[in-house]
N, C-alpha and C. Protein backbone atom coordinates (compact mmCIF):
# COMPACT_ATOMS: atom_id res chain seq x y z
N MET A 1 7.90 12.64 -18.90
CA MET A 1 8.63 12.84 -17.68
C MET A 1 8.12 14.10 -16.99
N TYR A 2 7.87 14.03 -15.72
CA TYR A 2 7.40 15.17 -14.95
C TYR A 2 8.52 15.68 -14.05
N PHE A 3 8.60 16.99 -13.92
CA PHE A 3 9.62 17.61 -13.08
C PHE A 3 9.16 17.60 -11.63
N PRO A 4 9.98 17.10 -10.72
CA PRO A 4 9.60 17.12 -9.29
C PRO A 4 9.75 18.54 -8.75
N ILE A 5 8.76 18.98 -8.02
CA ILE A 5 8.78 20.33 -7.47
C ILE A 5 8.17 20.30 -6.07
N PHE A 6 8.74 21.06 -5.18
CA PHE A 6 8.21 21.17 -3.83
C PHE A 6 7.65 22.58 -3.69
N ILE A 7 6.39 22.69 -3.27
CA ILE A 7 5.75 24.00 -3.16
C ILE A 7 5.19 24.20 -1.75
N ASP A 8 5.09 25.45 -1.36
CA ASP A 8 4.52 25.81 -0.07
C ASP A 8 3.00 25.81 -0.20
N LEU A 9 2.34 24.91 0.50
CA LEU A 9 0.88 24.82 0.47
C LEU A 9 0.23 25.44 1.70
N SER A 10 1.03 26.03 2.56
CA SER A 10 0.52 26.50 3.85
C SER A 10 -0.56 27.58 3.73
N GLU A 11 -0.55 28.33 2.66
CA GLU A 11 -1.55 29.39 2.46
C GLU A 11 -2.49 29.06 1.30
N LYS A 12 -2.44 27.85 0.80
CA LYS A 12 -3.24 27.47 -0.37
C LYS A 12 -4.56 26.82 0.06
N LYS A 13 -5.58 27.04 -0.78
CA LYS A 13 -6.87 26.40 -0.59
C LYS A 13 -6.92 25.18 -1.49
N ILE A 14 -7.09 24.02 -0.88
CA ILE A 14 -7.07 22.77 -1.62
C ILE A 14 -8.44 22.09 -1.50
N LEU A 15 -8.93 21.62 -2.63
CA LEU A 15 -10.19 20.89 -2.67
C LEU A 15 -9.92 19.44 -3.03
N VAL A 16 -10.43 18.53 -2.22
CA VAL A 16 -10.40 17.10 -2.53
C VAL A 16 -11.84 16.69 -2.76
N VAL A 17 -12.15 16.28 -3.99
CA VAL A 17 -13.50 15.83 -4.30
C VAL A 17 -13.49 14.31 -4.22
N GLY A 18 -14.24 13.79 -3.28
CA GLY A 18 -14.29 12.35 -3.02
C GLY A 18 -14.15 12.12 -1.53
N GLY A 19 -14.74 11.03 -1.08
CA GLY A 19 -14.71 10.77 0.36
C GLY A 19 -14.31 9.36 0.72
N GLY A 20 -13.72 8.64 -0.24
CA GLY A 20 -13.36 7.24 -0.01
C GLY A 20 -11.89 7.03 0.32
N ALA A 21 -11.39 5.86 -0.06
CA ALA A 21 -10.04 5.44 0.31
C ALA A 21 -8.95 6.33 -0.30
N ILE A 22 -9.06 6.64 -1.58
CA ILE A 22 -8.03 7.47 -2.22
C ILE A 22 -8.05 8.87 -1.63
N ALA A 23 -9.24 9.45 -1.49
CA ALA A 23 -9.35 10.77 -0.88
C ALA A 23 -8.78 10.77 0.53
N SER A 24 -9.04 9.71 1.28
CA SER A 24 -8.52 9.60 2.65
C SER A 24 -7.00 9.65 2.67
N ARG A 25 -6.37 8.89 1.77
CA ARG A 25 -4.90 8.89 1.71
C ARG A 25 -4.37 10.27 1.34
N ARG A 26 -5.03 10.93 0.39
CA ARG A 26 -4.58 12.27 -0.04
C ARG A 26 -4.68 13.26 1.12
N VAL A 27 -5.80 13.26 1.81
CA VAL A 27 -6.00 14.19 2.92
C VAL A 27 -5.01 13.90 4.04
N ARG A 28 -4.81 12.64 4.35
CA ARG A 28 -3.86 12.26 5.40
C ARG A 28 -2.47 12.83 5.09
N THR A 29 -2.04 12.73 3.84
CA THR A 29 -0.73 13.24 3.44
C THR A 29 -0.71 14.77 3.42
N LEU A 30 -1.71 15.37 2.82
CA LEU A 30 -1.74 16.83 2.67
C LEU A 30 -1.82 17.57 3.99
N ARG A 31 -2.43 16.96 4.97
CA ARG A 31 -2.66 17.59 6.27
C ARG A 31 -1.39 18.18 6.88
N SER A 32 -0.25 17.53 6.65
CA SER A 32 1.02 18.02 7.21
C SER A 32 1.54 19.25 6.48
N PHE A 33 1.02 19.53 5.31
CA PHE A 33 1.58 20.58 4.46
C PHE A 33 0.63 21.73 4.17
N ALA A 34 -0.67 21.45 4.13
CA ALA A 34 -1.66 22.41 3.63
C ALA A 34 -2.25 23.26 4.73
N GLY A 35 -2.60 24.49 4.35
CA GLY A 35 -3.24 25.39 5.28
C GLY A 35 -4.74 25.15 5.38
N GLN A 36 -5.37 24.86 4.26
CA GLN A 36 -6.82 24.68 4.24
C GLN A 36 -7.21 23.61 3.22
N ILE A 37 -7.83 22.55 3.70
CA ILE A 37 -8.29 21.46 2.83
C ILE A 37 -9.80 21.33 2.98
N THR A 38 -10.49 21.35 1.85
CA THR A 38 -11.93 21.10 1.84
C THR A 38 -12.16 19.76 1.17
N VAL A 39 -12.91 18.90 1.82
CA VAL A 39 -13.26 17.60 1.25
C VAL A 39 -14.75 17.66 0.93
N GLN A 40 -15.09 17.39 -0.33
CA GLN A 40 -16.49 17.45 -0.75
C GLN A 40 -16.89 16.13 -1.37
N ALA A 41 -17.92 15.53 -0.80
CA ALA A 41 -18.47 14.28 -1.33
C ALA A 41 -19.80 13.99 -0.62
N PRO A 42 -20.71 13.29 -1.29
CA PRO A 42 -21.97 12.93 -0.63
C PRO A 42 -21.77 11.97 0.54
N GLU A 43 -20.73 11.14 0.45
CA GLU A 43 -20.41 10.19 1.52
C GLU A 43 -18.95 10.36 1.90
N ILE A 44 -18.68 10.48 3.19
CA ILE A 44 -17.33 10.73 3.70
C ILE A 44 -16.90 9.56 4.58
N SER A 45 -15.69 9.08 4.36
CA SER A 45 -15.17 7.96 5.16
C SER A 45 -14.96 8.37 6.61
N GLU A 46 -14.95 7.40 7.47
CA GLU A 46 -14.70 7.64 8.90
C GLU A 46 -13.31 8.23 9.11
N GLU A 47 -12.35 7.79 8.30
CA GLU A 47 -10.99 8.33 8.44
C GLU A 47 -10.98 9.83 8.18
N ILE A 48 -11.64 10.26 7.11
CA ILE A 48 -11.69 11.69 6.81
C ILE A 48 -12.43 12.44 7.92
N ARG A 49 -13.50 11.85 8.42
CA ARG A 49 -14.23 12.49 9.53
C ARG A 49 -13.29 12.69 10.73
N GLY A 50 -12.45 11.71 10.99
CA GLY A 50 -11.48 11.83 12.08
C GLY A 50 -10.46 12.92 11.81
N LEU A 51 -10.02 13.03 10.56
CA LEU A 51 -9.04 14.06 10.20
C LEU A 51 -9.65 15.45 10.26
N ALA A 52 -10.98 15.54 10.12
CA ALA A 52 -11.65 16.85 10.14
C ALA A 52 -11.62 17.48 11.52
N GLY A 53 -11.20 16.74 12.53
CA GLY A 53 -10.99 17.32 13.85
C GLY A 53 -9.87 18.35 13.81
N ASP A 54 -9.03 18.25 12.81
CA ASP A 54 -7.96 19.21 12.56
C ASP A 54 -8.61 20.43 11.90
N CYS A 55 -8.37 21.60 12.42
CA CYS A 55 -9.05 22.80 11.91
C CYS A 55 -8.72 23.10 10.46
N ARG A 56 -7.69 22.46 9.91
CA ARG A 56 -7.33 22.70 8.52
C ARG A 56 -8.18 21.90 7.55
N VAL A 57 -8.97 20.93 8.04
CA VAL A 57 -9.77 20.07 7.18
C VAL A 57 -11.26 20.36 7.41
N THR A 58 -11.93 20.75 6.32
CA THR A 58 -13.36 21.05 6.35
C THR A 58 -14.08 20.03 5.48
N ILE A 59 -15.21 19.54 5.97
CA ILE A 59 -16.02 18.58 5.21
C ILE A 59 -17.27 19.27 4.68
N ARG A 60 -17.54 19.02 3.41
CA ARG A 60 -18.80 19.44 2.78
C ARG A 60 -19.46 18.17 2.28
N GLU A 61 -20.42 17.69 3.02
CA GLU A 61 -21.06 16.42 2.69
C GLU A 61 -22.19 16.65 1.68
N GLU A 62 -21.76 16.84 0.43
CA GLU A 62 -22.70 17.10 -0.65
C GLU A 62 -22.03 16.76 -1.98
N ALA A 63 -22.85 16.64 -3.00
CA ALA A 63 -22.33 16.32 -4.34
C ALA A 63 -21.51 17.49 -4.88
N PHE A 64 -20.61 17.17 -5.80
CA PHE A 64 -19.79 18.20 -6.43
C PHE A 64 -20.65 19.13 -7.26
N TYR A 65 -20.32 20.40 -7.22
CA TYR A 65 -20.92 21.40 -8.11
C TYR A 65 -19.80 22.34 -8.54
N PRO A 66 -19.79 22.78 -9.79
CA PRO A 66 -18.67 23.55 -10.34
C PRO A 66 -18.30 24.81 -9.57
N GLU A 67 -19.26 25.46 -8.95
CA GLU A 67 -18.98 26.72 -8.25
C GLU A 67 -18.02 26.55 -7.07
N ILE A 68 -17.91 25.35 -6.55
CA ILE A 68 -17.01 25.09 -5.41
C ILE A 68 -15.55 25.34 -5.80
N LEU A 69 -15.25 25.28 -7.10
CA LEU A 69 -13.88 25.49 -7.57
C LEU A 69 -13.41 26.93 -7.41
N SER A 70 -14.34 27.85 -7.30
CA SER A 70 -13.99 29.27 -7.20
C SER A 70 -13.09 29.52 -5.98
N GLY A 71 -11.93 30.10 -6.25
CA GLY A 71 -11.00 30.44 -5.18
C GLY A 71 -10.05 29.33 -4.78
N MET A 72 -10.20 28.15 -5.37
CA MET A 72 -9.31 27.05 -5.03
C MET A 72 -7.97 27.20 -5.75
N ASP A 73 -6.91 26.79 -5.08
CA ASP A 73 -5.57 26.86 -5.65
C ASP A 73 -5.11 25.52 -6.23
N LEU A 74 -5.69 24.43 -5.74
CA LEU A 74 -5.27 23.09 -6.14
C LEU A 74 -6.47 22.17 -5.93
N VAL A 75 -6.70 21.25 -6.87
CA VAL A 75 -7.85 20.33 -6.76
C VAL A 75 -7.38 18.91 -7.01
N LEU A 76 -7.95 17.99 -6.22
CA LEU A 76 -7.72 16.57 -6.42
C LEU A 76 -9.07 15.91 -6.64
N ALA A 77 -9.28 15.35 -7.82
CA ALA A 77 -10.51 14.64 -8.15
C ALA A 77 -10.29 13.17 -7.80
N ALA A 78 -10.89 12.74 -6.69
CA ALA A 78 -10.63 11.40 -6.17
C ALA A 78 -11.93 10.66 -5.86
N THR A 79 -12.88 10.74 -6.80
CA THR A 79 -14.14 10.02 -6.62
C THR A 79 -14.02 8.64 -7.28
N ASN A 80 -15.04 7.82 -7.10
CA ASN A 80 -15.05 6.53 -7.80
C ASN A 80 -15.82 6.62 -9.12
N ASP A 81 -16.08 7.83 -9.58
CA ASP A 81 -16.81 8.08 -10.81
C ASP A 81 -15.85 8.70 -11.83
N ARG A 82 -15.40 7.89 -12.80
CA ARG A 82 -14.41 8.35 -13.78
C ARG A 82 -14.89 9.56 -14.58
N LYS A 83 -16.17 9.56 -14.96
CA LYS A 83 -16.70 10.68 -15.74
C LYS A 83 -16.69 11.97 -14.92
N LEU A 84 -17.08 11.87 -13.67
CA LEU A 84 -17.06 13.05 -12.81
C LEU A 84 -15.63 13.54 -12.61
N ASN A 85 -14.70 12.63 -12.37
CA ASN A 85 -13.29 13.02 -12.21
C ASN A 85 -12.79 13.76 -13.45
N SER A 86 -13.10 13.22 -14.64
CA SER A 86 -12.67 13.87 -15.89
C SER A 86 -13.31 15.24 -16.06
N ARG A 87 -14.58 15.35 -15.70
CA ARG A 87 -15.27 16.64 -15.78
C ARG A 87 -14.63 17.66 -14.85
N ILE A 88 -14.29 17.24 -13.65
CA ILE A 88 -13.61 18.14 -12.70
C ILE A 88 -12.28 18.58 -13.30
N GLY A 89 -11.56 17.66 -13.92
CA GLY A 89 -10.30 18.00 -14.58
C GLY A 89 -10.49 19.05 -15.65
N GLU A 90 -11.51 18.88 -16.49
CA GLU A 90 -11.81 19.85 -17.55
C GLU A 90 -12.11 21.23 -16.97
N LEU A 91 -12.96 21.26 -15.97
CA LEU A 91 -13.35 22.53 -15.35
C LEU A 91 -12.13 23.23 -14.73
N CYS A 92 -11.27 22.46 -14.10
CA CYS A 92 -10.07 23.04 -13.49
C CYS A 92 -9.14 23.61 -14.55
N ARG A 93 -8.95 22.89 -15.62
CA ARG A 93 -8.07 23.40 -16.68
C ARG A 93 -8.64 24.68 -17.29
N GLU A 94 -9.97 24.74 -17.46
CA GLU A 94 -10.60 25.97 -17.97
C GLU A 94 -10.31 27.15 -17.05
N GLN A 95 -10.25 26.89 -15.74
CA GLN A 95 -10.04 27.95 -14.76
C GLN A 95 -8.57 28.08 -14.34
N ARG A 96 -7.72 27.31 -14.99
CA ARG A 96 -6.28 27.34 -14.71
C ARG A 96 -5.95 26.97 -13.26
N ILE A 97 -6.68 25.98 -12.74
CA ILE A 97 -6.43 25.46 -11.40
C ILE A 97 -5.71 24.12 -11.59
N PRO A 98 -4.52 23.96 -11.04
CA PRO A 98 -3.83 22.67 -11.16
C PRO A 98 -4.69 21.55 -10.56
N VAL A 99 -4.78 20.44 -11.29
CA VAL A 99 -5.65 19.34 -10.87
C VAL A 99 -4.95 18.00 -11.01
N ASN A 100 -5.27 17.12 -10.07
CA ASN A 100 -4.86 15.73 -10.14
C ASN A 100 -6.13 14.90 -10.23
N VAL A 101 -6.21 14.06 -11.25
CA VAL A 101 -7.38 13.21 -11.47
C VAL A 101 -6.94 11.77 -11.22
N CYS A 102 -7.43 11.19 -10.13
CA CYS A 102 -6.92 9.89 -9.69
C CYS A 102 -7.18 8.76 -10.68
N SER A 103 -8.21 8.90 -11.50
CA SER A 103 -8.60 7.78 -12.37
C SER A 103 -8.03 7.84 -13.78
N ARG A 104 -7.31 8.91 -14.11
CA ARG A 104 -6.79 9.01 -15.48
C ARG A 104 -5.60 9.95 -15.52
N LYS A 105 -4.42 9.38 -15.62
CA LYS A 105 -3.20 10.19 -15.55
C LYS A 105 -3.13 11.24 -16.65
N GLU A 106 -3.76 10.98 -17.80
CA GLU A 106 -3.73 11.94 -18.90
C GLU A 106 -4.48 13.23 -18.55
N ASP A 107 -5.36 13.18 -17.56
CA ASP A 107 -6.12 14.36 -17.14
C ASP A 107 -5.41 15.15 -16.04
N CYS A 108 -4.24 14.70 -15.63
CA CYS A 108 -3.53 15.32 -14.51
C CYS A 108 -2.58 16.43 -14.95
N ASP A 109 -2.57 17.51 -14.18
CA ASP A 109 -1.56 18.55 -14.34
C ASP A 109 -0.33 18.20 -13.50
N PHE A 110 -0.53 17.40 -12.48
CA PHE A 110 0.55 16.97 -11.61
C PHE A 110 0.19 15.60 -11.05
N PHE A 111 1.20 14.88 -10.62
CA PHE A 111 0.98 13.59 -9.97
C PHE A 111 1.17 13.75 -8.48
N PHE A 112 0.36 13.07 -7.72
CA PHE A 112 0.45 13.10 -6.27
C PHE A 112 1.50 12.06 -5.87
N PRO A 113 2.57 12.49 -5.23
CA PRO A 113 3.65 11.54 -4.93
C PRO A 113 3.37 10.72 -3.67
N SER A 114 4.08 9.64 -3.55
CA SER A 114 4.16 8.94 -2.28
C SER A 114 5.14 9.76 -1.45
N VAL A 115 4.78 10.08 -0.22
CA VAL A 115 5.58 11.00 0.58
C VAL A 115 6.12 10.30 1.82
N ILE A 116 7.40 10.54 2.06
CA ILE A 116 8.06 10.07 3.28
C ILE A 116 8.52 11.31 4.03
N GLN A 117 8.18 11.37 5.32
CA GLN A 117 8.63 12.48 6.16
C GLN A 117 9.43 11.91 7.33
N LYS A 118 10.57 12.54 7.59
CA LYS A 118 11.35 12.20 8.77
C LYS A 118 12.01 13.49 9.24
N GLY A 119 11.43 14.09 10.28
CA GLY A 119 11.91 15.39 10.72
C GLY A 119 11.70 16.41 9.62
N ASP A 120 12.76 17.14 9.30
CA ASP A 120 12.69 18.14 8.23
C ASP A 120 12.85 17.55 6.84
N LEU A 121 13.21 16.28 6.77
CA LEU A 121 13.40 15.62 5.49
C LEU A 121 12.04 15.23 4.90
N VAL A 122 11.81 15.62 3.64
CA VAL A 122 10.60 15.25 2.92
C VAL A 122 11.04 14.66 1.59
N ILE A 123 10.58 13.45 1.32
CA ILE A 123 10.93 12.76 0.08
C ILE A 123 9.63 12.45 -0.67
N GLY A 124 9.58 12.84 -1.94
CA GLY A 124 8.44 12.52 -2.79
C GLY A 124 8.87 11.51 -3.84
N ILE A 125 8.06 10.47 -4.01
CA ILE A 125 8.40 9.40 -4.95
C ILE A 125 7.28 9.27 -5.98
N ASN A 126 7.68 9.21 -7.25
CA ASN A 126 6.70 9.08 -8.32
C ASN A 126 7.35 8.40 -9.51
N ALA A 127 6.53 7.71 -10.29
CA ALA A 127 7.01 7.06 -11.51
C ALA A 127 6.19 7.55 -12.70
N SER A 128 5.93 8.86 -12.74
CA SER A 128 5.16 9.48 -13.82
C SER A 128 3.78 8.84 -14.00
N GLY A 129 3.22 8.35 -12.91
CA GLY A 129 1.89 7.75 -12.96
C GLY A 129 1.83 6.41 -13.67
N LYS A 130 2.99 5.79 -13.89
CA LYS A 130 3.01 4.57 -14.70
C LYS A 130 3.20 3.28 -13.92
N ASN A 131 3.89 3.33 -12.78
CA ASN A 131 4.26 2.08 -12.12
C ASN A 131 4.10 2.21 -10.60
N HIS A 132 2.87 1.98 -10.13
CA HIS A 132 2.57 2.14 -8.71
C HIS A 132 3.31 1.13 -7.84
N SER A 133 3.54 -0.07 -8.35
CA SER A 133 4.25 -1.07 -7.55
C SER A 133 5.72 -0.68 -7.36
N LEU A 134 6.32 -0.07 -8.37
CA LEU A 134 7.70 0.41 -8.23
C LEU A 134 7.76 1.51 -7.17
N VAL A 135 6.79 2.41 -7.18
CA VAL A 135 6.75 3.49 -6.19
C VAL A 135 6.61 2.89 -4.79
N LYS A 136 5.70 1.94 -4.63
CA LYS A 136 5.48 1.32 -3.32
C LYS A 136 6.73 0.60 -2.83
N ARG A 137 7.35 -0.15 -3.70
CA ARG A 137 8.57 -0.89 -3.33
C ARG A 137 9.70 0.09 -2.97
N THR A 138 9.86 1.14 -3.74
CA THR A 138 10.90 2.13 -3.48
C THR A 138 10.63 2.83 -2.15
N ARG A 139 9.40 3.15 -1.89
CA ARG A 139 9.04 3.79 -0.62
C ARG A 139 9.41 2.88 0.56
N GLN A 140 9.05 1.61 0.46
CA GLN A 140 9.36 0.66 1.53
C GLN A 140 10.87 0.55 1.75
N GLU A 141 11.63 0.49 0.66
CA GLU A 141 13.08 0.40 0.77
C GLU A 141 13.67 1.66 1.40
N MET A 142 13.15 2.83 1.02
CA MET A 142 13.66 4.08 1.57
C MET A 142 13.29 4.23 3.05
N GLU A 143 12.09 3.81 3.41
CA GLU A 143 11.69 3.87 4.82
C GLU A 143 12.57 2.96 5.65
N GLU A 144 12.87 1.78 5.14
CA GLU A 144 13.77 0.86 5.84
C GLU A 144 15.15 1.48 5.99
N PHE A 145 15.66 2.08 4.93
CA PHE A 145 16.97 2.72 4.97
C PHE A 145 16.99 3.84 6.02
N LEU A 146 15.93 4.62 6.09
CA LEU A 146 15.89 5.75 7.02
C LEU A 146 15.71 5.32 8.49
N ARG A 147 15.27 4.08 8.70
CA ARG A 147 15.15 3.57 10.08
C ARG A 147 16.51 3.23 10.68
N LYS A 148 17.51 3.05 9.81
CA LYS A 148 18.85 2.65 10.28
C LYS A 148 19.56 3.78 10.94
């Protein structure tokens, strides 16, 4: 069981390693909360490129290298390479940087929630990384409830 916690990310440096669909969803969500997001990947999706118009999102179109972790407060390993994601997780733990590894929940220090925002209300939904369909269904039900 993981404890839900809400933290101020406005002054934090966040690294998202990966440039595909999962990274796109993470950046789209984080953008409302984070002060500085760096996305690093050899290939970057068009969605992320569009989000980079926001001054809080910086793109580094290159392969991951360990030195990029220096100074980061939070890291999300969201590549399509499980070995690379696990390696990023190991490096982050060595440096005491909280990390979320999209491909293996056992490598995560925290889970990235499904987020609903309505005005000042922020709701995070998670099932300890075990049941994504339950999270999706719950999110849909809550969004419907909040539309009323």
